[in-house]
C-alpha atoms as a PDB file:
ATOM      1  CA  UNK A   1       9.297 -15.380 -24.378  1.00  0.00           C
ATOM      2  CA  UNK A   2       9.056 -14.126 -20.802  1.00  0.00           C
ATOM      3  CA  UNK A   3       7.515 -16.755 -18.504  1.00  0.00           C
ATOM      4  CA  UNK A   4       5.593 -15.939 -15.449  1.00  0.00           C
ATOM      5  CA  UNK A   5       7.393 -17.538 -12.546  1.00  0.00           C
ATOM      6  CA  UNK A   6       5.592 -20.365 -10.609  1.00  0.00           C
ATOM      7  CA  UNK A   7       5.083 -19.394  -7.064  1.00  0.00           C
ATOM      8  CA  UNK A   8       3.976 -20.892  -3.723  1.00  0.00           C
ATOM      9  CA  UNK A   9       1.756 -17.854  -3.052  1.00  0.00           C
ATOM     10  CA  UNK A  10      -0.385 -19.172  -0.135  1.00  0.00           C
ATOM     11  CA  UNK A  11      -3.093 -16.511   0.496  1.00  0.00           C
ATOM     12  CA  UNK A  12      -6.712 -16.763  -0.529  1.00  0.00           C
ATOM     13  CA  UNK A  13      -7.455 -13.050   0.320  1.00  0.00           C
ATOM     14  CA  UNK A  14      -5.175 -10.046   0.593  1.00  0.00           C
ATOM     15  CA  UNK A  15      -6.577  -8.353   3.761  1.00  0.00           C
ATOM     16  CA  UNK A  16      -3.486  -7.562   6.011  1.00  0.00           C
ATOM     17  CA  UNK A  17       0.174  -7.475   5.474  1.00  0.00           C
ATOM     18  CA  UNK A  18       0.492  -9.501   8.714  1.00  0.00           C
ATOM     19  CA  UNK A  19      -1.102 -12.491   6.815  1.00  0.00           C
ATOM     20  CA  UNK A  20       1.961 -12.556   4.401  1.00  0.00           C
ATOM     21  CA  UNK A  21       5.073 -14.669   4.847  1.00  0.00           C
ATOM     22  CA  UNK A  22       8.219 -13.403   3.253  1.00  0.00           C
ATOM     23  CA  UNK A  23       7.692 -16.112   0.609  1.00  0.00           C
ATOM     24  CA  UNK A  24       4.300 -14.567  -0.231  1.00  0.00           C
ATOM     25  CA  UNK A  25       5.779 -11.208  -0.659  1.00  0.00           C
ATOM     26  CA  UNK A  26       8.588 -12.329  -2.832  1.00  0.00           C
ATOM     27  CA  UNK A  27       6.188 -14.171  -4.914  1.00  0.00           C
ATOM     28  CA  UNK A  28       4.219 -10.909  -5.626  1.00  0.00           C
ATOM     29  CA  UNK A  29       7.362  -8.867  -6.318  1.00  0.00           C
ATOM     30  CA  UNK A  30       8.796 -11.601  -8.794  1.00  0.00           C
ATOM     31  CA  UNK A  31       5.418 -11.827 -10.666  1.00  0.00           C
ATOM     32  CA  UNK A  32       5.206  -7.937 -10.784  1.00  0.00           C
ATOM     33  CA  UNK A  33       8.674  -7.845 -12.324  1.00  0.00           C
ATOM     34  CA  UNK A  34       7.527 -10.219 -14.919  1.00  0.00           C
ATOM     35  CA  UNK A  35       4.369  -8.230 -15.652  1.00  0.00           C
ATOM     36  CA  UNK A  36       6.408  -5.156 -16.512  1.00  0.00           C
ATOM     37  CA  UNK A  37       8.267  -7.185 -19.224  1.00  0.00           C
ATOM     38  CA  UNK A  38       5.367  -9.092 -20.627  1.00  0.00           C
ATOM     39  CA  UNK A  39       4.085  -8.008 -24.170  1.00  0.00           C
ATOM     40  CA  UNK A  40       0.810  -6.144 -24.008  1.00  0.00           C
ATOM     41  CA  UNK A  41      -0.957  -8.845 -26.222  1.00  0.00           C
ATOM     42  CA  UNK A  42       0.091 -11.695 -23.995  1.00  0.00           C
ATOM     43  CA  UNK A  43      -0.747  -9.848 -20.740  1.00  0.00           C
ATOM     44  CA  UNK A  44      -4.164  -8.869 -22.028  1.00  0.00           C
ATOM     45  CA  UNK A  45      -5.202 -12.653 -22.215  1.00  0.00           C
ATOM     46  CA  UNK A  46      -4.246 -13.534 -18.532  1.00  0.00           C
ATOM     47  CA  UNK A  47      -7.592 -12.836 -16.948  1.00  0.00           C
ATOM     48  CA  UNK A  48      -9.742 -13.065 -20.142  1.00  0.00           C
ATOM     49  CA  UNK A  49     -13.304 -13.975 -19.160  1.00  0.00           C
ATOM     50  CA  UNK A  50     -12.829 -12.916 -15.487  1.00  0.00           C
ATOM     51  CA  UNK A  51     -14.880 -10.233 -13.715  1.00  0.00           C
ATOM     52  CA  UNK A  52     -13.333  -8.105 -11.012  1.00  0.00           C
ATOM     53  CA  UNK A  53     -15.517  -6.002  -8.826  1.00  0.00           C
ATOM     54  CA  UNK A  54     -14.128  -2.572  -7.612  1.00  0.00           C
ATOM     55  CA  UNK A  55     -15.941  -1.457  -4.510  1.00  0.00           C
ATOM     56  CA  UNK A  56     -14.714   1.850  -3.206  1.00  0.00           C
ATOM     57  CA  UNK A  57     -16.836   3.002  -0.201  1.00  0.00           C
ATOM     58  CA  UNK A  58     -14.131   5.662   0.415  1.00  0.00           C
ATOM     59  CA  UNK A  59     -12.733   8.120  -2.117  1.00  0.00           C
ATOM     60  CA  UNK A  60      -9.555   7.161  -3.934  1.00  0.00           C
ATOM     61  CA  UNK A  61      -7.645   8.267  -6.964  1.00  0.00           C
ATOM     62  CA  UNK A  62      -4.382   6.384  -7.311  1.00  0.00           C
ATOM     63  CA  UNK A  63      -5.385   3.125  -5.801  1.00  0.00           C
ATOM     64  CA  UNK A  64      -8.675   2.829  -7.705  1.00  0.00           C
ATOM     65  CA  UNK A  65      -7.330   3.942 -10.984  1.00  0.00           C
ATOM     66  CA  UNK A  66      -4.249   1.736 -10.865  1.00  0.00           C
ATOM     67  CA  UNK A  67      -6.410  -1.247  -9.907  1.00  0.00           C
ATOM     68  CA  UNK A  68      -8.822  -0.656 -12.836  1.00  0.00           C
ATOM     69  CA  UNK A  69      -5.848  -0.127 -15.100  1.00  0.00           C
ATOM     70  CA  UNK A  70      -4.362  -3.504 -13.976  1.00  0.00           C
ATOM     71  CA  UNK A  71      -7.747  -5.254 -14.419  1.00  0.00           C
ATOM     72  CA  UNK A  72      -8.140  -3.881 -17.973  1.00  0.00           C
ATOM     73  CA  UNK A  73      -4.409  -4.658 -18.771  1.00  0.00           C
ATOM     74  CA  UNK A  74      -5.016  -8.287 -17.887  1.00  0.00           C
ATOM     75  CA  UNK A  75      -8.172  -8.452 -20.043  1.00  0.00           C
ATOM     76  CA  UNK A  76     -10.749  -8.789 -17.350  1.00  0.00           C
ATOM     77  CA  UNK A  77     -13.996  -6.939 -17.021  1.00  0.00           C
ATOM     78  CA  UNK A  78     -14.606  -4.587 -14.176  1.00  0.00           C
ATOM     79  CA  UNK A  79     -17.801  -3.768 -12.366  1.00  0.00           C
ATOM     80  CA  UNK A  80     -18.445  -1.682  -9.205  1.00  0.00           C
ATOM     81  CA  UNK A  81     -18.639   1.832  -7.841  1.00  0.00           C
ATOM     82  CA  UNK A  82     -16.364   4.685  -6.741  1.00  0.00           C
ATOM     83  CA  UNK A  83     -18.820   6.252  -4.224  1.00  0.00           C
ATOM     84  CA  UNK A  84     -20.867   4.332  -1.709  1.00  0.00           C
ATOM     85  CA  UNK A  85     -23.743   6.838  -2.209  1.00  0.00           C
ATOM     86  CA  UNK A  86     -24.601   5.146  -5.491  1.00  0.00           C
ATOM     87  CA  UNK A  87     -24.809   1.695  -3.837  1.00  0.00           C
ATOM     88  CA  UNK A  88     -27.479  -0.102  -1.861  1.00  0.00           C
ATOM     89  CA  UNK A  89     -25.566   0.829   1.310  1.00  0.00           C
ATOM     90  CA  UNK A  90     -27.403   4.104   1.088  1.00  0.00           C
ATOM     91  CA  UNK A  91     -30.722   2.083   1.397  1.00  0.00           C
ATOM     92  CA  UNK A  92     -29.342   0.413   4.498  1.00  0.00           C
ATOM     93  CA  UNK A  93     -27.941  -2.831   3.066  1.00  0.00           C
ATOM     94  CA  UNK A  94     -25.204  -4.353   5.319  1.00  0.00           C
ATOM     95  CA  UNK A  95     -21.646  -4.776   4.099  1.00  0.00           C
ATOM     96  CA  UNK A  96     -22.021  -8.470   4.618  1.00  0.00           C
ATOM     97  CA  UNK A  97     -24.982  -8.621   2.245  1.00  0.00           C
ATOM     98  CA  UNK A  98     -23.343  -6.439  -0.300  1.00  0.00           C
ATOM     99  CA  UNK A  99     -20.381  -8.633  -0.373  1.00  0.00           C
ATOM    100  CA  UNK A 100     -22.406 -11.951  -0.536  1.00  0.00           C
ATOM    101  CA  UNK A 101     -24.223 -10.507  -3.522  1.00  0.00           C
ATOM    102  CA  UNK A 102     -21.199  -9.255  -5.376  1.00  0.00           C
ATOM    103  CA  UNK A 103     -19.246 -12.485  -4.791  1.00  0.00           C
ATOM    104  CA  UNK A 104     -21.981 -14.056  -6.999  1.00  0.00           C
ATOM    105  CA  UNK A 105     -21.148 -11.785  -9.796  1.00  0.00           C
ATOM    106  CA  UNK A 106     -17.400 -11.410  -9.651  1.00  0.00           C
ATOM    107  CA  UNK A 107     -14.207 -13.666  -9.602  1.00  0.00           C
ATOM    108  CA  UNK A 108     -12.281 -11.191  -7.360  1.00  0.00           C
ATOM    109  CA  UNK A 109     -13.425  -8.233  -5.195  1.00  0.00           C
ATOM    110  CA  UNK A 110     -11.295  -5.194  -4.619  1.00  0.00           C
ATOM    111  CA  UNK A 111     -12.617  -3.219  -1.811  1.00  0.00           C
ATOM    112  CA  UNK A 112     -11.768   0.183   0.098  1.00  0.00           C
ATOM    113  CA  UNK A 113     -13.760   0.900   3.100  1.00  0.00           C
ATOM    114  CA  UNK A 114     -13.640   3.633   5.756  1.00  0.00           C
ATOM    115  CA  UNK A 115     -14.163   1.298   8.704  1.00  0.00           C
ATOM    116  CA  UNK A 116     -11.220  -0.716  10.218  1.00  0.00           C
ATOM    117  CA  UNK A 117     -11.741  -4.398   9.944  1.00  0.00           C
ATOM    118  CA  UNK A 118     -14.220  -4.074   7.088  1.00  0.00           C
ATOM    119  CA  UNK A 119     -11.930  -6.141   4.682  1.00  0.00           C
ATOM    120  CA  UNK A 120     -11.533  -8.837   7.195  1.00  0.00           C
ATOM    121  CA  UNK A 121     -15.362  -9.139   7.598  1.00  0.00           C
ATOM    122  CA  UNK A 122     -15.744  -9.059   3.809  1.00  0.00           C
ATOM    123  CA  UNK A 123     -13.233 -11.981   3.474  1.00  0.00           C
ATOM    124  CA  UNK A 124     -15.256 -14.102   6.012  1.00  0.00           C
ATOM    125  CA  UNK A 125     -18.490 -13.846   4.073  1.00  0.00           C
ATOM    126  CA  UNK A 126     -17.222 -13.870   0.561  1.00  0.00           C
ATOM    127  CA  UNK A 127     -16.777 -16.938  -1.629  1.00  0.00           C
ATOM    128  CA  UNK A 128     -14.171 -15.199  -3.737  1.00  0.00           C
ATOM    129  CA  UNK A 129     -10.985 -13.458  -2.922  1.00  0.00           C
ATOM    130  CA  UNK A 130     -11.046 -10.045  -1.337  1.00  0.00           C
ATOM    131  CA  UNK A 131      -8.295  -7.581  -1.926  1.00  0.00           C
ATOM    132  CA  UNK A 132      -8.127  -4.872   0.738  1.00  0.00           C
ATOM    133  CA  UNK A 133      -7.480  -1.589  -1.012  1.00  0.00           C
ATOM    134  CA  UNK A 134      -7.491   0.189   2.449  1.00  0.00           C
ATOM    135  CA  UNK A 135      -9.775   0.005   5.576  1.00  0.00           C
ATOM    136  CA  UNK A 136      -9.768   3.082   7.669  1.00  0.00           C
ATOM    137  CA  UNK A 137      -6.543   3.725   9.497  1.00  0.00           C
ATOM    138  CA  UNK A 138      -5.895   0.042   9.695  1.00  0.00           C
ATOM    139  CA  UNK A 139      -4.146  -1.603   6.729  1.00  0.00           C
ATOM    140  CA  UNK A 140      -3.341  -0.910   3.153  1.00  0.00           C
ATOM    141  CA  UNK A 141      -1.436  -4.018   1.971  1.00  0.00           C
ATOM    142  CA  UNK A 142      -1.395  -3.459  -1.746  1.00  0.00           C
ATOM    143  CA  UNK A 143       0.311   0.033  -1.102  1.00  0.00           C
ATOM    144  CA  UNK A 144       2.943  -1.861   1.068  1.00  0.00           C
ATOM    145  CA  UNK A 145       3.611  -4.282  -1.724  1.00  0.00           C
ATOM    146  CA  UNK A 146       4.148  -1.608  -4.239  1.00  0.00           C
ATOM    147  CA  UNK A 147       6.413   0.230  -1.680  1.00  0.00           C
ATOM    148  CA  UNK A 148       8.557  -2.915  -1.395  1.00  0.00           C
ATOM    149  CA  UNK A 149       8.617  -3.373  -5.105  1.00  0.00           C
ATOM    150  CA  UNK A 150       9.840   0.296  -5.485  1.00  0.00           C
ATOM    151  CA  UNK A 151      12.568  -0.161  -2.915  1.00  0.00           C
ATOM    152  CA  UNK A 152      13.782  -3.377  -4.512  1.00  0.00           C
ATOM    153  CA  UNK A 153      13.879  -1.832  -7.956  1.00  0.00           C
ATOM    154  CA  UNK A 154      15.950   1.160  -6.579  1.00  0.00           C
ATOM    155  CA  UNK A 155      18.372  -0.860  -4.567  1.00  0.00           C
ATOM    156  CA  UNK A 156      18.345  -4.261  -6.017  1.00  0.00           C
ATOM    157  CA  UNK A 157      17.533  -5.523  -2.576  1.00  0.00           C
ATOM    158  CA  UNK A 158      15.443  -4.780   0.645  1.00  0.00           C
ATOM    159  CA  UNK A 159      17.612  -6.582   3.244  1.00  0.00           C
ATOM    160  CA  UNK A 160      20.109  -4.439   5.092  1.00  0.00           C
ATOM    161  CA  UNK A 161      18.574  -1.010   4.428  1.00  0.00           C
ATOM    162  CA  UNK A 162      17.914   1.818   6.954  1.00  0.00           C
ATOM    163  CA  UNK A 163      14.434   3.270   6.290  1.00  0.00           C
ATOM    164  CA  UNK A 164      12.875   6.437   7.934  1.00  0.00           C
ATOM    165  CA  UNK A 165       9.199   6.815   8.226  1.00  0.00           C
ATOM    166  CA  UNK A 166       8.259  10.545   8.656  1.00  0.00           C
ATOM    167  CA  UNK A 167       5.023  12.225   9.677  1.00  0.00           C
ATOM    168  CA  UNK A 168       1.764  10.745  10.687  1.00  0.00           C
ATOM    169  CA  UNK A 169       2.729   7.345  12.151  1.00  0.00           C
ATOM    170  CA  UNK A 170      -0.327   7.124  14.444  1.00  0.00           C
ATOM    171  CA  UNK A 171      -3.100   7.158  11.825  1.00  0.00           C
ATOM    172  CA  UNK A 172      -1.154   6.334   8.735  1.00  0.00           C
ATOM    173  CA  UNK A 173      -2.133   2.909   7.614  1.00  0.00           C
ATOM    174  CA  UNK A 174       0.601   2.904   4.823  1.00  0.00           C
ATOM    175  CA  UNK A 175       3.342   3.070   7.537  1.00  0.00           C
ATOM    176  CA  UNK A 176       1.693   0.566   9.722  1.00  0.00           C
ATOM    177  CA  UNK A 177       1.542  -2.017   6.924  1.00  0.00           C
ATOM    178  CA  UNK A 178       5.078  -1.084   5.688  1.00  0.00           C
ATOM    179  CA  UNK A 179       6.738  -1.478   9.137  1.00  0.00           C
ATOM    180  CA  UNK A 180       5.254  -4.791   9.527  1.00  0.00           C
ATOM    181  CA  UNK A 181       6.233  -6.130   6.191  1.00  0.00           C
ATOM    182  CA  UNK A 182       9.890  -4.851   6.624  1.00  0.00           C
ATOM    183  CA  UNK A 183      10.110  -6.817   9.848  1.00  0.00           C
ATOM    184  CA  UNK A 184      10.181  -9.957   7.603  1.00  0.00           C
ATOM    185  CA  UNK A 185      13.504  -8.906   6.003  1.00  0.00           C
ATOM    186  CA  UNK A 186      16.969  -9.193   7.292  1.00  0.00           C
ATOM    187  CA  UNK A 187      19.048  -6.441   9.025  1.00  0.00           C
ATOM    188  CA  UNK A 188      16.529  -3.731   8.560  1.00  0.00           C
ATOM    189  CA  UNK A 189      16.804  -0.614  10.634  1.00  0.00           C
ATOM    190  CA  UNK A 190      13.678   1.599  10.962  1.00  0.00           C
ATOM    191  CA  UNK A 191      13.680   5.292  12.137  1.00  0.00           C
ATOM    192  CA  UNK A 192      10.288   6.515  13.222  1.00  0.00           C
ATOM    193  CA  UNK A 193      10.239  10.370  12.941  1.00  0.00           C
ATOM    194  CA  UNK A 194       7.048  11.991  14.250  1.00  0.00           C
ATOM    195  CA  UNK A 195       5.573  14.531  16.638  1.00  0.00           C
ATOM    196  CA  UNK A 196       4.903  13.039  20.143  1.00  0.00           C
ATOM    197  CA  UNK A 197       1.171  13.115  19.377  1.00  0.00           C
ATOM    198  CA  UNK A 198       1.496  10.939  16.194  1.00  0.00           C
ATOM    199  CA  UNK A 199       4.017   8.313  17.381  1.00  0.00           C
ATOM    200  CA  UNK A 200       3.893   4.745  15.908  1.00  0.00           C
ATOM    201  CA  UNK A 201       1.323   2.862  17.928  1.00  0.00           C
ATOM    202  CA  UNK A 202       2.420   0.306  20.501  1.00  0.00           C
ATOM    203  CA  UNK A 203       0.757  -2.634  18.841  1.00  0.00           C
ATOM    204  CA  UNK A 204       2.775  -2.030  15.600  1.00  0.00           C
ATOM    205  CA  UNK A 205       6.023  -1.810  17.611  1.00  0.00           C
ATOM    206  CA  UNK A 206       5.060  -4.956  19.407  1.00  0.00           C
ATOM    207  CA  UNK A 207       4.667  -6.663  16.041  1.00  0.00           C
ATOM    208  CA  UNK A 208       8.141  -5.652  14.710  1.00  0.00           C
ATOM    209  CA  UNK A 209      10.172  -6.680  17.738  1.00  0.00           C
ATOM    210  CA  UNK A 210      12.528  -8.617  15.543  1.00  0.00           C
ATOM    211  CA  UNK A 211      14.159  -5.601  13.983  1.00  0.00           C
ATOM    212  CA  UNK A 212      16.050  -2.537  15.300  1.00  0.00           C
ATOM    213  CA  UNK A 213      14.023   0.784  15.413  1.00  0.00           C
ATOM    214  CA  UNK A 214      14.563   4.150  17.054  1.00  0.00           C
ATOM    215  CA  UNK A 215      12.109   6.980  17.475  1.00  0.00           C
ATOM    216  CA  UNK A 216      12.771  10.711  16.771  1.00  0.00           C
ATOM    217  CA  UNK A 217      10.930  14.058  16.648  1.00  0.00           C
ATOM    218  CA  UNK A 218      13.422  15.655  14.213  1.00  0.00           C
ATOM    219  CA  UNK A 219      14.482  14.479  10.755  1.00  0.00           C
ATOM    220  CA  UNK A 220      17.859  15.973  11.134  1.00  0.00           C
ATOM    221  CA  UNK A 221      18.815  13.695  14.008  1.00  0.00           C
ATOM    222  CA  UNK A 222      18.762  10.580  11.698  1.00  0.00           C
ATOM    223  CA  UNK A 223      18.920  11.840   8.158  1.00  0.00           C
ATOM    224  CA  UNK A 224      22.661  10.994   7.520  1.00  0.00           C
ATOM    225  CA  UNK A 225      21.929   7.245   8.225  1.00  0.00           C
ATOM    226  CA  UNK A 226      18.895   6.762   5.816  1.00  0.00           C
ATOM    227  CA  UNK A 227      18.704   4.978   2.691  1.00  0.00           C
ATOM    228  CA  UNK A 228      15.215   5.650   2.181  1.00  0.00           C
ATOM    229  CA  UNK A 229      12.904   8.461   3.581  1.00  0.00           C
ATOM    230  CA  UNK A 230       9.176   7.551   3.397  1.00  0.00           C
ATOM    231  CA  UNK A 231       7.330  10.784   3.933  1.00  0.00           C
ATOM    232  CA  UNK A 232       3.464  10.811   4.798  1.00  0.00           C
ATOM    233  CA  UNK A 233       1.075  13.728   5.011  1.00  0.00           C
ATOM    234  CA  UNK A 234      -0.721  14.372   8.182  1.00  0.00           C
ATOM    235  CA  UNK A 235      -4.231  13.376   7.458  1.00  0.00           C
ATOM    236  CA  UNK A 236      -6.952  15.869   8.486  1.00  0.00           C
ATOM    237  CA  UNK A 237      -9.558  13.313   7.797  1.00  0.00           C
ATOM    238  CA  UNK A 238      -8.206  10.879  10.376  1.00  0.00           C
ATOM    239  CA  UNK A 239      -8.548  13.274  13.315  1.00  0.00           C
ATOM    240  CA  UNK A 240     -11.733  13.231  15.400  1.00  0.00           C
ATOM    241  CA  UNK A 241     -10.587  16.537  17.048  1.00  0.00           C
ATOM    242  CA  UNK A 242      -9.738  19.440  14.685  1.00  0.00           C
ATOM    243  CA  UNK A 243      -7.580  21.068  17.466  1.00  0.00           C
ATOM    244  CA  UNK A 244      -5.366  17.954  17.547  1.00  0.00           C
ATOM    245  CA  UNK A 245      -4.806  18.296  13.822  1.00  0.00           C
ATOM    246  CA  UNK A 246      -3.998  22.068  13.883  1.00  0.00           C
ATOM    247  CA  UNK A 247      -1.305  21.255  16.643  1.00  0.00           C
ATOM    248  CA  UNK A 248       0.744  19.147  14.189  1.00  0.00           C
ATOM    249  CA  UNK A 249      -0.252  20.533  10.749  1.00  0.00           C
ATOM    250  CA  UNK A 250       3.018  21.559   8.919  1.00  0.00           C
ATOM    251  CA  UNK A 251       5.421  20.068  11.389  1.00  0.00           C
ATOM    252  CA  UNK A 252       7.537  18.581   8.735  1.00  0.00           C
ATOM    253  CA  UNK A 253       8.335  20.136   5.436  1.00  0.00           C
ATOM    254  CA  UNK A 254      10.917  18.247   3.283  1.00  0.00           C
ATOM    255  CA  UNK A 255      12.762  20.319   0.791  1.00  0.00           C
ATOM    256  CA  UNK A 256      16.297  20.773  -0.583  1.00  0.00           C
ATOM    257  CA  UNK A 257      17.461  22.655   2.560  1.00  0.00           C
ATOM    258  CA  UNK A 258      16.143  19.950   4.944  1.00  0.00           C
ATOM    259  CA  UNK A 259      18.163  17.261   3.005  1.00  0.00           C
ATOM    260  CA  UNK A 260      21.612  18.651   3.597  1.00  0.00           C
ATOM    261  CA  UNK A 261      23.738  15.962   4.915  1.00  0.00           C
ATOM    262  CA  UNK A 262      21.694  13.135   3.271  1.00  0.00           C
ATOM    263  CA  UNK A 263      23.371  10.106   1.602  1.00  0.00           C
ATOM    264  CA  UNK A 264      24.079  10.434  -2.129  1.00  0.00           C
ATOM    265  CA  UNK A 265      21.889   7.331  -2.601  1.00  0.00           C
ATOM    266  CA  UNK A 266      18.859   8.547  -0.531  1.00  0.00           C
ATOM    267  CA  UNK A 267      15.559   7.938  -2.092  1.00  0.00           C
ATOM    268  CA  UNK A 268      12.317   9.762  -1.027  1.00  0.00           C
ATOM    269  CA  UNK A 269       9.024   8.052  -1.191  1.00  0.00           C
ATOM    270  CA  UNK A 270       5.586   9.162  -0.484  1.00  0.00           C
ATOM    271  CA  UNK A 271       2.174   7.226  -0.942  1.00  0.00           C
ATOM    272  CA  UNK A 272       0.503  10.480  -2.263  1.00  0.00           C
ATOM    273  CA  UNK A 273      -1.451  12.676  -2.268  1.00  0.00           C
ATOM    274  CA  UNK A 274       0.858  15.275  -0.804  1.00  0.00           C
ATOM    275  CA  UNK A 275      -0.057  18.531   0.638  1.00  0.00           C
ATOM    276  CA  UNK A 276       2.800  20.792   1.823  1.00  0.00           C
ATOM    277  CA  UNK A 277       4.969  18.143   3.497  1.00  0.00           C
ATOM    278  CA  UNK A 278       7.049  17.351   0.390  1.00  0.00           C
ATOM    279  CA  UNK A 279       8.279  20.419  -1.716  1.00  0.00           C
ATOM    280  CA  UNK A 280       7.752  20.233  -5.523  1.00  0.00           C
ATOM    281  CA  UNK A 281      11.455  21.482  -5.756  1.00  0.00           C
ATOM    282  CA  UNK A 282      12.489  17.888  -5.105  1.00  0.00           C
ATOM    283  CA  UNK A 283      10.489  16.402  -8.041  1.00  0.00           C
ATOM    284  CA  UNK A 284      13.391  16.687 -10.526  1.00  0.00           C
ATOM    285  CA  UNK A 285      16.186  15.614  -8.105  1.00  0.00           C
ATOM    286  CA  UNK A 286      17.902  12.222  -7.923  1.00  0.00           C
ATOM    287  CA  UNK A 287      16.130  11.758  -4.389  1.00  0.00           C
ATOM    288  CA  UNK A 288      12.569  11.652  -5.896  1.00  0.00           C
ATOM    289  CA  UNK A 289      11.145   8.275  -6.258  1.00  0.00           C
ATOM    290  CA  UNK A 290       7.418   8.980  -5.400  1.00  0.00           C
ATOM    291  CA  UNK A 291       5.982   9.231  -8.941  1.00  0.00           C
ATOM    292  CA  UNK A 292       7.711   6.032 -10.099  1.00  0.00           C
ATOM    293  CA  UNK A 293       6.409   4.522  -6.772  1.00  0.00           C
ATOM    294  CA  UNK A 294       2.818   5.418  -7.935  1.00  0.00           C
ATOM    295  CA  UNK A 295       3.331   3.970 -11.344  1.00  0.00           C
ATOM    296  CA  UNK A 296       4.635   0.617  -9.710  1.00  0.00           C
ATOM    297  CA  UNK A 297       1.043   0.186  -8.390  1.00  0.00           C
ATOM    298  CA  UNK A 298      -0.059  -1.211 -11.675  1.00  0.00           C
ATOM    299  CA  UNK A 299       2.487  -4.166 -12.074  1.00  0.00           C
ATOM    300  CA  UNK A 300       2.066  -5.089  -8.420  1.00  0.00           C
ATOM    301  CA  UNK A 301      -1.723  -5.111  -8.614  1.00  0.00           C
ATOM    302  CA  UNK A 302      -1.587  -7.087 -11.943  1.00  0.00           C
ATOM    303  CA  UNK A 303       0.540  -9.570 -10.016  1.00  0.00           C
ATOM    304  CA  UNK A 304      -1.945  -9.943  -7.184  1.00  0.00           C
ATOM    305  CA  UNK A 305      -4.923 -10.219  -9.536  1.00  0.00           C
ATOM    306  CA  UNK A 306      -2.987 -13.010 -11.428  1.00  0.00           C
ATOM    307  CA  UNK A 307      -2.095 -14.770  -8.253  1.00  0.00           C
ATOM    308  CA  UNK A 308      -5.755 -14.813  -7.094  1.00  0.00           C
ATOM    309  CA  UNK A 309      -7.529 -15.374 -10.386  1.00  0.00           C
ATOM    310  CA  UNK A 310      -8.329 -19.080  -9.873  1.00  0.00           C
ATOM    311  CA  UNK A 311      -8.944 -19.129  -6.179  1.00  0.00           C
ATOM    312  CA  UNK A 312     -12.172 -20.553  -4.949  1.00  0.00           C
ATOM    313  CA  UNK A 313     -12.585 -20.396  -1.131  1.00  0.00           C
ATOM    314  CA  UNK A 314     -15.413 -22.890  -0.798  1.00  0.00           C
END
């Protein structure tokens, strides 16, 4: 019978990938691998009797549904909302009060919020673990963990790979978190590919000083070196100025033509949803990893819920 590995997972909340040590990341990936192999009947008893609150103050499809799938797979109950308009926030209730109240009902709180830093605030007032499902343009740690899990499954390792991050590196919380997480691994090389207006922020580059990275404005300049190409959409909703968005919209479109010269082993990832930056003609090619990447959200989020199921912060 498959046994869930014992770990030294040290966190009481999952707020930022910068809170993770490499050992914490490896604990999540190892438990996620186990979750994929566990019989459904055994898995469904792991969180029996637990309640997980799913609080989505910002719209979400993949993250919310994969979390709720993971919750139900583990046998827990789920409460919450998918639209802040149906919560007491509409009446003027503060986030702190909402979290304090909900932590009295649930064993774990999964939260997405449109304001940067909201998850950190929630973790400071909640007596139960907070899992950040995305806070503004800041962090998306569970996406990063499923990204790492996807890379590890595809290559059998993470160390030693060359990974290109393409598109919106200024506002893209997925690439901010991923770059920080990759800095914990050995002999990683990163290529930041973006328009000048959407370069990786300086504070992220400061955080990853320990690994090699280069910046490019064109994919062709670095494509032959890449093991992984992580594509992001340019997010209209993150731009305060519509004119700034229009200047960069459609800057990168990845298709079969643009991949000439790529390694045979190249894998393309994308956090989804995509708009026009990733051609559907790639969906059935050996390069495409993005739909498997989305599916991997379930075992990774199952692993996190399992690791946090008995945490009491005070």
